[in-house]
Amino acid sequence: MIHGFERSEGLRGSSKLADSAWLRSLRRYMTFVAVANLIWEFAHLPLYTLWETGTLQEIVFAAVHCTGGDILISLASIMLALFLAGDHHWPYENDRRVLWLTVCFGLGYTIFSEWLNIVIREAWAYRDIMPIVPYLDAGLTPMLQWIVIPVVAYWWATLPCKAQYNLAASHA
């Protein structure tokens, strides 16, 4: 192992560095996700009929409510991805599988949720200006939201660990 990254046996049998890296990365990820989704929700609300029919209070409530859902979906997606593909080297190594699964879970749920809430429940509707993804009949901006935000959040969350790991590798 690289100097500074070997496992020193402590009370729980792991290094302090490894124990704190995953938690620090998850905190950074979820913080970014929360802020970015709130901004995204407000930014793409004009593409929904609520923008024209809702009151200011209803619009603000919808954006905040949807952001809360986005946070829960994001947390479930990354935790499931870590459960399936993460290991004790994460976030220093093996992160592409975790990122790929995180995006797939979030995007998959979004496609299902858009269909359920637009077609079945009719809980919300797109305006004519919403770009629609062919064959999926889902809005483009909700789908992009679940690609762009997780990828950028993941990059930002794991960047300090990668920098620390690369610095240690260059001094090994």
N, C-alpha and C. Protein backbone atom coordinates (compact mmCIF):
# COMPACT_ATOMS: atom_id res chain seq x y z
N MET A 1 0.83 -1.19 0.00
CA MET A 1 0.00 0.00 0.00
C MET A 1 0.87 1.25 0.00
N ILE A 2 0.29 2.34 -0.38
CA ILE A 2 0.97 3.62 -0.42
C ILE A 2 1.18 4.11 1.00
N HIS A 3 2.35 4.71 1.26
CA HIS A 3 2.65 5.22 2.59
C HIS A 3 1.55 6.18 3.05
N GLY A 4 1.07 5.98 4.26
CA GLY A 4 0.00 6.82 4.79
C GLY A 4 -1.38 6.24 4.56
N PHE A 5 -1.44 5.21 3.71
CA PHE A 5 -2.72 4.60 3.41
C PHE A 5 -2.78 3.15 3.85
N GLU A 6 -1.68 2.66 4.45
CA GLU A 6 -1.74 1.30 4.96
C GLU A 6 -2.64 1.27 6.18
N ARG A 7 -3.14 0.15 6.46
CA ARG A 7 -4.08 0.01 7.57
C ARG A 7 -3.31 -0.20 8.86
N SER A 8 -3.46 0.70 9.80
CA SER A 8 -2.87 0.52 11.12
C SER A 8 -3.95 -0.01 12.04
N GLU A 9 -3.64 -1.05 12.76
CA GLU A 9 -4.64 -1.68 13.60
C GLU A 9 -4.99 -0.81 14.80
N GLY A 10 -6.23 -0.44 14.90
CA GLY A 10 -6.72 0.35 16.02
C GLY A 10 -7.78 -0.44 16.74
N LEU A 11 -8.63 0.25 17.46
CA LEU A 11 -9.68 -0.42 18.21
C LEU A 11 -10.62 -1.21 17.30
N ARG A 12 -10.88 -0.66 16.13
CA ARG A 12 -11.79 -1.34 15.21
C ARG A 12 -11.05 -1.98 14.04
N GLY A 13 -9.73 -1.95 14.05
CA GLY A 13 -8.96 -2.61 13.01
C GLY A 13 -8.86 -1.84 11.71
N SER A 14 -9.01 -0.53 11.73
CA SER A 14 -8.87 0.24 10.50
C SER A 14 -8.22 1.57 10.80
N SER A 15 -7.70 2.19 9.76
CA SER A 15 -7.02 3.46 9.95
C SER A 15 -8.02 4.60 10.09
N LYS A 16 -7.61 5.64 10.80
CA LYS A 16 -8.48 6.81 10.95
C LYS A 16 -8.73 7.46 9.61
N LEU A 17 -7.72 7.44 8.74
CA LEU A 17 -7.85 8.05 7.42
C LEU A 17 -8.95 7.36 6.62
N ALA A 18 -8.94 6.06 6.57
CA ALA A 18 -9.95 5.32 5.81
C ALA A 18 -11.32 5.46 6.45
N ASP A 19 -11.39 5.47 7.78
CA ASP A 19 -12.67 5.60 8.45
C ASP A 19 -13.34 6.93 8.16
N SER A 20 -12.58 7.99 8.04
CA SER A 20 -13.18 9.30 7.86
C SER A 20 -13.41 9.65 6.39
N ALA A 21 -12.70 9.03 5.47
CA ALA A 21 -12.81 9.40 4.06
C ALA A 21 -14.20 9.12 3.50
N TRP A 22 -14.77 7.97 3.80
CA TRP A 22 -16.08 7.64 3.25
C TRP A 22 -17.15 8.57 3.80
N LEU A 23 -17.06 8.89 5.10
CA LEU A 23 -18.06 9.77 5.70
C LEU A 23 -17.93 11.19 5.15
N ARG A 24 -16.71 11.66 5.04
CA ARG A 24 -16.46 13.00 4.49
C ARG A 24 -16.98 13.07 3.04
N SER A 25 -16.73 12.03 2.27
CA SER A 25 -17.19 12.01 0.87
C SER A 25 -18.70 11.97 0.78
N LEU A 26 -19.35 11.17 1.62
CA LEU A 26 -20.81 11.12 1.61
C LEU A 26 -21.42 12.46 2.03
N ARG A 27 -20.83 13.09 3.03
CA ARG A 27 -21.33 14.40 3.46
C ARG A 27 -21.21 15.43 2.35
N ARG A 28 -20.07 15.44 1.67
CA ARG A 28 -19.87 16.37 0.56
C ARG A 28 -20.85 16.07 -0.57
N TYR A 29 -21.03 14.79 -0.86
CA TYR A 29 -21.95 14.38 -1.93
C TYR A 29 -23.37 14.85 -1.63
N MET A 30 -23.86 14.55 -0.45
CA MET A 30 -25.24 14.88 -0.11
C MET A 30 -25.46 16.39 0.01
N THR A 31 -24.47 17.12 0.48
CA THR A 31 -24.58 18.59 0.54
C THR A 31 -24.70 19.16 -0.86
N PHE A 32 -23.83 18.72 -1.76
CA PHE A 32 -23.89 19.20 -3.14
C PHE A 32 -25.23 18.83 -3.77
N VAL A 33 -25.65 17.59 -3.59
CA VAL A 33 -26.91 17.10 -4.16
C VAL A 33 -28.09 17.95 -3.68
N ALA A 34 -28.12 18.26 -2.40
CA ALA A 34 -29.24 19.03 -1.84
C ALA A 34 -29.32 20.42 -2.47
N VAL A 35 -28.20 21.10 -2.51
CA VAL A 35 -28.17 22.47 -3.06
C VAL A 35 -28.45 22.46 -4.56
N ALA A 36 -27.78 21.56 -5.27
CA ALA A 36 -27.95 21.52 -6.74
C ALA A 36 -29.37 21.14 -7.13
N ASN A 37 -29.98 20.20 -6.42
CA ASN A 37 -31.36 19.82 -6.75
C ASN A 37 -32.35 20.93 -6.45
N LEU A 38 -32.13 21.68 -5.39
CA LEU A 38 -33.02 22.81 -5.11
C LEU A 38 -32.96 23.83 -6.24
N ILE A 39 -31.75 24.14 -6.68
CA ILE A 39 -31.57 25.08 -7.79
C ILE A 39 -32.22 24.51 -9.06
N TRP A 40 -31.97 23.23 -9.33
CA TRP A 40 -32.51 22.60 -10.54
C TRP A 40 -34.04 22.59 -10.51
N GLU A 41 -34.61 22.28 -9.37
CA GLU A 41 -36.07 22.23 -9.28
C GLU A 41 -36.70 23.58 -9.60
N PHE A 42 -36.13 24.65 -9.06
CA PHE A 42 -36.65 25.98 -9.38
C PHE A 42 -36.40 26.32 -10.85
N ALA A 43 -35.26 25.92 -11.37
CA ALA A 43 -34.90 26.27 -12.76
C ALA A 43 -35.81 25.59 -13.78
N HIS A 44 -36.23 24.36 -13.54
CA HIS A 44 -37.05 23.70 -14.57
C HIS A 44 -38.55 23.72 -14.27
N LEU A 45 -38.95 24.37 -13.20
CA LEU A 45 -40.39 24.50 -12.92
C LEU A 45 -41.18 25.19 -14.04
N PRO A 46 -40.59 26.15 -14.76
CA PRO A 46 -41.37 26.75 -15.86
C PRO A 46 -41.76 25.76 -16.97
N LEU A 47 -41.19 24.56 -16.94
CA LEU A 47 -41.53 23.55 -17.94
C LEU A 47 -42.72 22.69 -17.53
N TYR A 48 -43.25 22.95 -16.34
CA TYR A 48 -44.41 22.22 -15.82
C TYR A 48 -45.62 23.15 -15.80
N THR A 49 -46.81 22.58 -15.89
CA THR A 49 -48.04 23.38 -15.91
C THR A 49 -48.24 24.17 -14.61
N LEU A 50 -47.70 23.67 -13.52
CA LEU A 50 -47.83 24.37 -12.24
C LEU A 50 -47.32 25.80 -12.34
N TRP A 51 -46.33 26.03 -13.18
CA TRP A 51 -45.76 27.36 -13.36
C TRP A 51 -46.81 28.37 -13.80
N GLU A 52 -47.75 27.93 -14.60
CA GLU A 52 -48.81 28.81 -15.10
C GLU A 52 -50.06 28.79 -14.22
N THR A 53 -50.30 27.69 -13.55
CA THR A 53 -51.56 27.55 -12.82
C THR A 53 -51.44 27.71 -11.31
N GLY A 54 -50.22 27.56 -10.78
CA GLY A 54 -50.04 27.57 -9.33
C GLY A 54 -49.80 28.95 -8.77
N THR A 55 -50.07 29.08 -7.48
CA THR A 55 -49.74 30.31 -6.76
C THR A 55 -48.24 30.27 -6.42
N LEU A 56 -47.72 31.38 -5.97
CA LEU A 56 -46.32 31.43 -5.58
C LEU A 56 -46.04 30.42 -4.47
N GLN A 57 -46.94 30.33 -3.51
CA GLN A 57 -46.77 29.37 -2.42
C GLN A 57 -46.75 27.93 -2.93
N GLU A 58 -47.63 27.62 -3.87
CA GLU A 58 -47.67 26.26 -4.43
C GLU A 58 -46.39 25.94 -5.20
N ILE A 59 -45.88 26.91 -5.92
CA ILE A 59 -44.66 26.72 -6.69
C ILE A 59 -43.47 26.50 -5.77
N VAL A 60 -43.35 27.33 -4.75
CA VAL A 60 -42.25 27.18 -3.79
C VAL A 60 -42.36 25.84 -3.06
N PHE A 61 -43.58 25.51 -2.63
CA PHE A 61 -43.78 24.23 -1.95
C PHE A 61 -43.38 23.06 -2.86
N ALA A 62 -43.78 23.10 -4.12
CA ALA A 62 -43.45 22.02 -5.06
C ALA A 62 -41.95 21.86 -5.21
N ALA A 63 -41.23 22.97 -5.35
CA ALA A 63 -39.77 22.90 -5.51
C ALA A 63 -39.10 22.34 -4.26
N VAL A 64 -39.52 22.79 -3.10
CA VAL A 64 -38.92 22.31 -1.85
C VAL A 64 -39.31 20.85 -1.60
N HIS A 65 -40.56 20.51 -1.84
CA HIS A 65 -41.04 19.13 -1.68
C HIS A 65 -40.28 18.19 -2.62
N CYS A 66 -40.14 18.58 -3.86
CA CYS A 66 -39.43 17.74 -4.83
C CYS A 66 -37.95 17.61 -4.47
N THR A 67 -37.37 18.68 -3.96
CA THR A 67 -35.98 18.62 -3.52
C THR A 67 -35.81 17.62 -2.38
N GLY A 68 -36.76 17.60 -1.46
CA GLY A 68 -36.72 16.61 -0.38
C GLY A 68 -36.74 15.20 -0.94
N GLY A 69 -37.58 14.96 -1.92
CA GLY A 69 -37.62 13.66 -2.58
C GLY A 69 -36.31 13.36 -3.29
N ASP A 70 -35.76 14.37 -3.96
CA ASP A 70 -34.47 14.19 -4.65
C ASP A 70 -33.36 13.79 -3.69
N ILE A 71 -33.37 14.39 -2.51
CA ILE A 71 -32.36 14.07 -1.50
C ILE A 71 -32.50 12.61 -1.07
N LEU A 72 -33.72 12.17 -0.83
CA LEU A 72 -33.94 10.78 -0.43
C LEU A 72 -33.57 9.80 -1.54
N ILE A 73 -33.93 10.12 -2.77
CA ILE A 73 -33.57 9.27 -3.92
C ILE A 73 -32.05 9.20 -4.07
N SER A 74 -31.39 10.35 -3.92
CA SER A 74 -29.93 10.40 -4.03
C SER A 74 -29.26 9.56 -2.95
N LEU A 75 -29.74 9.69 -1.73
CA LEU A 75 -29.17 8.92 -0.63
C LEU A 75 -29.38 7.43 -0.85
N ALA A 76 -30.58 7.04 -1.23
CA ALA A 76 -30.85 5.62 -1.48
C ALA A 76 -30.00 5.10 -2.64
N SER A 77 -29.85 5.90 -3.69
CA SER A 77 -29.08 5.48 -4.86
C SER A 77 -27.62 5.26 -4.54
N ILE A 78 -27.00 6.21 -3.85
CA ILE A 78 -25.57 6.05 -3.56
C ILE A 78 -25.33 4.96 -2.51
N MET A 79 -26.22 4.84 -1.55
CA MET A 79 -26.03 3.79 -0.54
C MET A 79 -26.20 2.41 -1.15
N LEU A 80 -27.17 2.23 -2.03
CA LEU A 80 -27.34 0.95 -2.70
C LEU A 80 -26.13 0.65 -3.59
N ALA A 81 -25.65 1.67 -4.29
CA ALA A 81 -24.46 1.49 -5.14
C ALA A 81 -23.24 1.12 -4.29
N LEU A 82 -23.08 1.77 -3.15
CA LEU A 82 -21.96 1.43 -2.26
C LEU A 82 -22.11 0.03 -1.69
N PHE A 83 -23.32 -0.34 -1.37
CA PHE A 83 -23.57 -1.68 -0.85
C PHE A 83 -23.20 -2.75 -1.89
N LEU A 84 -23.54 -2.49 -3.15
CA LEU A 84 -23.32 -3.47 -4.21
C LEU A 84 -21.90 -3.44 -4.78
N ALA A 85 -21.30 -2.25 -4.89
CA ALA A 85 -20.02 -2.15 -5.60
C ALA A 85 -18.90 -1.52 -4.78
N GLY A 86 -19.21 -0.93 -3.66
CA GLY A 86 -18.17 -0.30 -2.86
C GLY A 86 -17.35 -1.33 -2.10
N ASP A 87 -16.19 -0.92 -1.69
CA ASP A 87 -15.35 -1.77 -0.85
C ASP A 87 -14.54 -0.88 0.08
N HIS A 88 -13.62 -1.48 0.82
CA HIS A 88 -12.87 -0.70 1.82
C HIS A 88 -11.92 0.31 1.19
N HIS A 89 -11.72 0.25 -0.12
CA HIS A 89 -10.86 1.24 -0.79
C HIS A 89 -11.63 2.50 -1.21
N TRP A 90 -12.97 2.42 -1.14
CA TRP A 90 -13.76 3.58 -1.56
C TRP A 90 -13.62 4.68 -0.52
N PRO A 91 -13.47 5.93 -0.88
CA PRO A 91 -13.58 6.55 -2.20
C PRO A 91 -12.25 6.71 -2.94
N TYR A 92 -11.19 6.11 -2.41
CA TYR A 92 -9.89 6.25 -3.06
C TYR A 92 -9.79 5.49 -4.36
N GLU A 93 -10.43 4.34 -4.42
CA GLU A 93 -10.38 3.48 -5.60
C GLU A 93 -11.77 2.89 -5.83
N ASN A 94 -11.92 2.21 -6.97
CA ASN A 94 -13.16 1.50 -7.32
C ASN A 94 -14.38 2.41 -7.34
N ASP A 95 -14.20 3.62 -7.75
CA ASP A 95 -15.32 4.56 -7.68
C ASP A 95 -16.17 4.61 -8.94
N ARG A 96 -15.66 4.18 -10.07
CA ARG A 96 -16.45 4.26 -11.31
C ARG A 96 -17.68 3.37 -11.25
N ARG A 97 -17.54 2.18 -10.69
CA ARG A 97 -18.70 1.28 -10.57
C ARG A 97 -19.75 1.90 -9.65
N VAL A 98 -19.30 2.50 -8.56
CA VAL A 98 -20.24 3.13 -7.62
C VAL A 98 -20.95 4.29 -8.29
N LEU A 99 -20.23 5.11 -9.01
CA LEU A 99 -20.84 6.24 -9.72
C LEU A 99 -21.83 5.75 -10.77
N TRP A 100 -21.45 4.79 -11.56
CA TRP A 100 -22.31 4.27 -12.62
C TRP A 100 -23.61 3.73 -12.03
N LEU A 101 -23.51 2.96 -10.98
CA LEU A 101 -24.71 2.41 -10.35
C LEU A 101 -25.57 3.51 -9.72
N THR A 102 -24.92 4.49 -9.10
CA THR A 102 -25.66 5.60 -8.49
C THR A 102 -26.50 6.32 -9.55
N VAL A 103 -25.90 6.61 -10.69
CA VAL A 103 -26.62 7.29 -11.77
C VAL A 103 -27.74 6.39 -12.30
N CYS A 104 -27.46 5.12 -12.51
CA CYS A 104 -28.48 4.19 -13.03
C CYS A 104 -29.68 4.09 -12.09
N PHE A 105 -29.42 3.97 -10.78
CA PHE A 105 -30.53 3.86 -9.83
C PHE A 105 -31.36 5.14 -9.81
N GLY A 106 -30.72 6.29 -9.75
CA GLY A 106 -31.44 7.56 -9.73
C GLY A 106 -32.21 7.81 -11.01
N LEU A 107 -31.58 7.54 -12.14
CA LEU A 107 -32.23 7.74 -13.43
C LEU A 107 -33.38 6.75 -13.62
N GLY A 108 -33.15 5.51 -13.23
CA GLY A 108 -34.21 4.51 -13.35
C GLY A 108 -35.43 4.87 -12.53
N TYR A 109 -35.20 5.30 -11.30
CA TYR A 109 -36.32 5.71 -10.46
C TYR A 109 -37.04 6.93 -11.05
N THR A 110 -36.28 7.85 -11.59
CA THR A 110 -36.88 9.06 -12.17
C THR A 110 -37.77 8.74 -13.36
N ILE A 111 -37.32 7.87 -14.23
CA ILE A 111 -38.14 7.49 -15.38
C ILE A 111 -39.44 6.85 -14.89
N PHE A 112 -39.34 5.95 -13.92
CA PHE A 112 -40.53 5.33 -13.35
C PHE A 112 -41.44 6.37 -12.71
N SER A 113 -40.86 7.27 -11.91
CA SER A 113 -41.64 8.27 -11.18
C SER A 113 -42.34 9.25 -12.13
N GLU A 114 -41.64 9.67 -13.18
CA GLU A 114 -42.27 10.58 -14.15
C GLU A 114 -43.46 9.89 -14.80
N TRP A 115 -43.30 8.63 -15.20
CA TRP A 115 -44.41 7.89 -15.81
C TRP A 115 -45.56 7.76 -14.81
N LEU A 116 -45.25 7.34 -13.58
CA LEU A 116 -46.29 7.13 -12.57
C LEU A 116 -47.06 8.42 -12.28
N ASN A 117 -46.34 9.52 -12.11
CA ASN A 117 -46.98 10.77 -11.70
C ASN A 117 -47.60 11.56 -12.84
N ILE A 118 -47.17 11.32 -14.07
CA ILE A 118 -47.76 12.03 -15.20
C ILE A 118 -48.86 11.20 -15.86
N VAL A 119 -48.60 9.94 -16.10
CA VAL A 119 -49.55 9.10 -16.83
C VAL A 119 -50.59 8.47 -15.91
N ILE A 120 -50.17 7.87 -14.82
CA ILE A 120 -51.09 7.11 -13.97
C ILE A 120 -51.81 8.02 -12.97
N ARG A 121 -51.06 8.70 -12.13
CA ARG A 121 -51.66 9.53 -11.07
C ARG A 121 -52.11 10.90 -11.56
N GLU A 122 -51.52 11.38 -12.64
CA GLU A 122 -51.77 12.72 -13.15
C GLU A 122 -51.54 13.78 -12.07
N ALA A 123 -50.47 13.56 -11.28
CA ALA A 123 -50.13 14.46 -10.18
C ALA A 123 -49.48 15.74 -10.69
N TRP A 124 -48.84 15.68 -11.83
CA TRP A 124 -48.28 16.87 -12.46
C TRP A 124 -48.26 16.67 -13.96
N ALA A 125 -47.99 17.74 -14.68
CA ALA A 125 -48.01 17.67 -16.15
C ALA A 125 -46.95 18.59 -16.71
N TYR A 126 -46.45 18.21 -17.89
CA TYR A 126 -45.49 19.04 -18.60
C TYR A 126 -46.23 20.10 -19.43
N ARG A 127 -45.59 21.23 -19.61
CA ARG A 127 -46.07 22.20 -20.58
C ARG A 127 -45.57 21.76 -21.96
N ASP A 128 -46.08 22.39 -22.98
CA ASP A 128 -45.67 22.06 -24.36
C ASP A 128 -44.19 22.35 -24.60
N ILE A 129 -43.59 23.22 -23.80
CA ILE A 129 -42.19 23.59 -24.02
C ILE A 129 -41.19 22.61 -23.40
N MET A 130 -41.69 21.60 -22.65
CA MET A 130 -40.80 20.59 -22.07
C MET A 130 -40.31 19.66 -23.17
N PRO A 131 -38.99 19.56 -23.37
CA PRO A 131 -38.49 18.58 -24.33
C PRO A 131 -38.76 17.16 -23.81
N ILE A 132 -39.26 16.31 -24.66
CA ILE A 132 -39.62 14.94 -24.29
C ILE A 132 -38.62 13.97 -24.94
N VAL A 133 -38.18 12.99 -24.16
CA VAL A 133 -37.27 11.97 -24.67
C VAL A 133 -38.11 10.92 -25.40
N PRO A 134 -37.84 10.71 -26.70
CA PRO A 134 -38.63 9.74 -27.46
C PRO A 134 -38.56 8.34 -26.85
N TYR A 135 -39.58 7.57 -27.03
CA TYR A 135 -39.75 6.19 -26.57
C TYR A 135 -39.95 6.08 -25.06
N LEU A 136 -39.41 7.01 -24.30
CA LEU A 136 -39.60 6.98 -22.85
C LEU A 136 -40.76 7.87 -22.43
N ASP A 137 -41.07 8.84 -23.28
CA ASP A 137 -42.10 9.84 -22.98
C ASP A 137 -41.87 10.50 -21.63
N ALA A 138 -40.62 10.73 -21.31
CA ALA A 138 -40.25 11.41 -20.07
C ALA A 138 -39.60 12.74 -20.44
N GLY A 139 -39.74 13.71 -19.56
CA GLY A 139 -39.14 15.01 -19.79
C GLY A 139 -37.62 14.93 -19.81
N LEU A 140 -37.01 15.74 -20.65
CA LEU A 140 -35.56 15.74 -20.76
C LEU A 140 -34.89 16.31 -19.51
N THR A 141 -35.45 17.39 -18.95
CA THR A 141 -34.76 18.01 -17.81
C THR A 141 -34.75 17.14 -16.56
N PRO A 142 -35.82 16.38 -16.25
CA PRO A 142 -35.71 15.49 -15.10
C PRO A 142 -34.66 14.40 -15.32
N MET A 143 -34.55 13.93 -16.55
CA MET A 143 -33.56 12.89 -16.84
C MET A 143 -32.14 13.46 -16.76
N LEU A 144 -31.95 14.63 -17.33
CA LEU A 144 -30.62 15.27 -17.24
C LEU A 144 -30.24 15.56 -15.79
N GLN A 145 -31.23 15.91 -15.00
CA GLN A 145 -31.00 16.19 -13.58
C GLN A 145 -30.34 15.00 -12.89
N TRP A 146 -30.77 13.79 -13.27
CA TRP A 146 -30.27 12.58 -12.61
C TRP A 146 -29.03 12.00 -13.28
N ILE A 147 -28.52 12.71 -14.27
CA ILE A 147 -27.21 12.39 -14.83
C ILE A 147 -26.21 13.45 -14.39
N VAL A 148 -26.54 14.71 -14.62
CA VAL A 148 -25.61 15.81 -14.36
C VAL A 148 -25.31 15.96 -12.87
N ILE A 149 -26.33 16.07 -12.04
CA ILE A 149 -26.10 16.34 -10.62
C ILE A 149 -25.33 15.21 -9.93
N PRO A 150 -25.71 13.94 -10.09
CA PRO A 150 -24.92 12.90 -9.42
C PRO A 150 -23.46 12.84 -9.88
N VAL A 151 -23.23 13.04 -11.17
CA VAL A 151 -21.85 12.98 -11.69
C VAL A 151 -21.01 14.12 -11.12
N VAL A 152 -21.53 15.33 -11.17
CA VAL A 152 -20.77 16.47 -10.65
C VAL A 152 -20.62 16.38 -9.13
N ALA A 153 -21.68 15.97 -8.45
CA ALA A 153 -21.62 15.82 -6.99
C ALA A 153 -20.59 14.76 -6.59
N TYR A 154 -20.56 13.68 -7.32
CA TYR A 154 -19.63 12.59 -7.02
C TYR A 154 -18.19 13.05 -7.24
N TRP A 155 -17.97 13.75 -8.34
CA TRP A 155 -16.63 14.29 -8.62
C TRP A 155 -16.21 15.22 -7.48
N TRP A 156 -17.10 16.14 -7.10
CA TRP A 156 -16.78 17.11 -6.05
C TRP A 156 -16.57 16.42 -4.71
N ALA A 157 -17.36 15.39 -4.43
CA ALA A 157 -17.28 14.71 -3.14
C ALA A 157 -16.00 13.90 -2.99
N THR A 158 -15.55 13.29 -4.07
CA THR A 158 -14.38 12.41 -3.97
C THR A 158 -13.08 13.11 -4.35
N LEU A 159 -13.16 14.32 -4.83
CA LEU A 159 -11.96 15.05 -5.25
C LEU A 159 -10.90 15.16 -4.15
N PRO A 160 -11.24 15.55 -2.93
CA PRO A 160 -10.20 15.64 -1.89
C PRO A 160 -9.51 14.31 -1.62
N CYS A 161 -10.26 13.24 -1.65
CA CYS A 161 -9.66 11.91 -1.41
C CYS A 161 -8.74 11.53 -2.55
N LYS A 162 -9.15 11.81 -3.78
CA LYS A 162 -8.30 11.51 -4.93
C LYS A 162 -7.02 12.32 -4.87
N ALA A 163 -7.14 13.60 -4.52
CA ALA A 163 -5.95 14.46 -4.42
C ALA A 163 -5.01 13.95 -3.33
N GLN A 164 -5.58 13.57 -2.20
CA GLN A 164 -4.79 13.06 -1.09
C GLN A 164 -4.12 11.74 -1.48
N TYR A 165 -4.85 10.89 -2.16
CA TYR A 165 -4.32 9.60 -2.59
C TYR A 165 -3.20 9.79 -3.61
N ASN A 166 -3.41 10.68 -4.59
CA ASN A 166 -2.40 10.94 -5.62
C ASN A 166 -1.15 11.58 -5.02
N LEU A 167 -1.32 12.45 -4.03
CA LEU A 167 -0.18 13.07 -3.37
C LEU A 167 0.63 12.00 -2.63
N ALA A 168 -0.07 11.11 -1.94
CA ALA A 168 0.62 10.04 -1.22
C ALA A 168 1.32 9.10 -2.21
N ALA A 169 0.69 8.85 -3.35
CA ALA A 169 1.29 7.96 -4.35
C ALA A 169 2.55 8.58 -4.95
N SER A 170 2.54 9.89 -5.12
CA SER A 170 3.72 10.54 -5.69
C SER A 170 4.89 10.59 -4.73
N HIS A 171 4.63 10.44 -3.45
CA HIS A 171 5.71 10.44 -2.44
C HIS A 171 6.10 9.03 -2.00
N ALA A 172 5.45 8.02 -2.58
CA ALA A 172 5.73 6.64 -2.17
C ALA A 172 7.03 6.14 -2.77
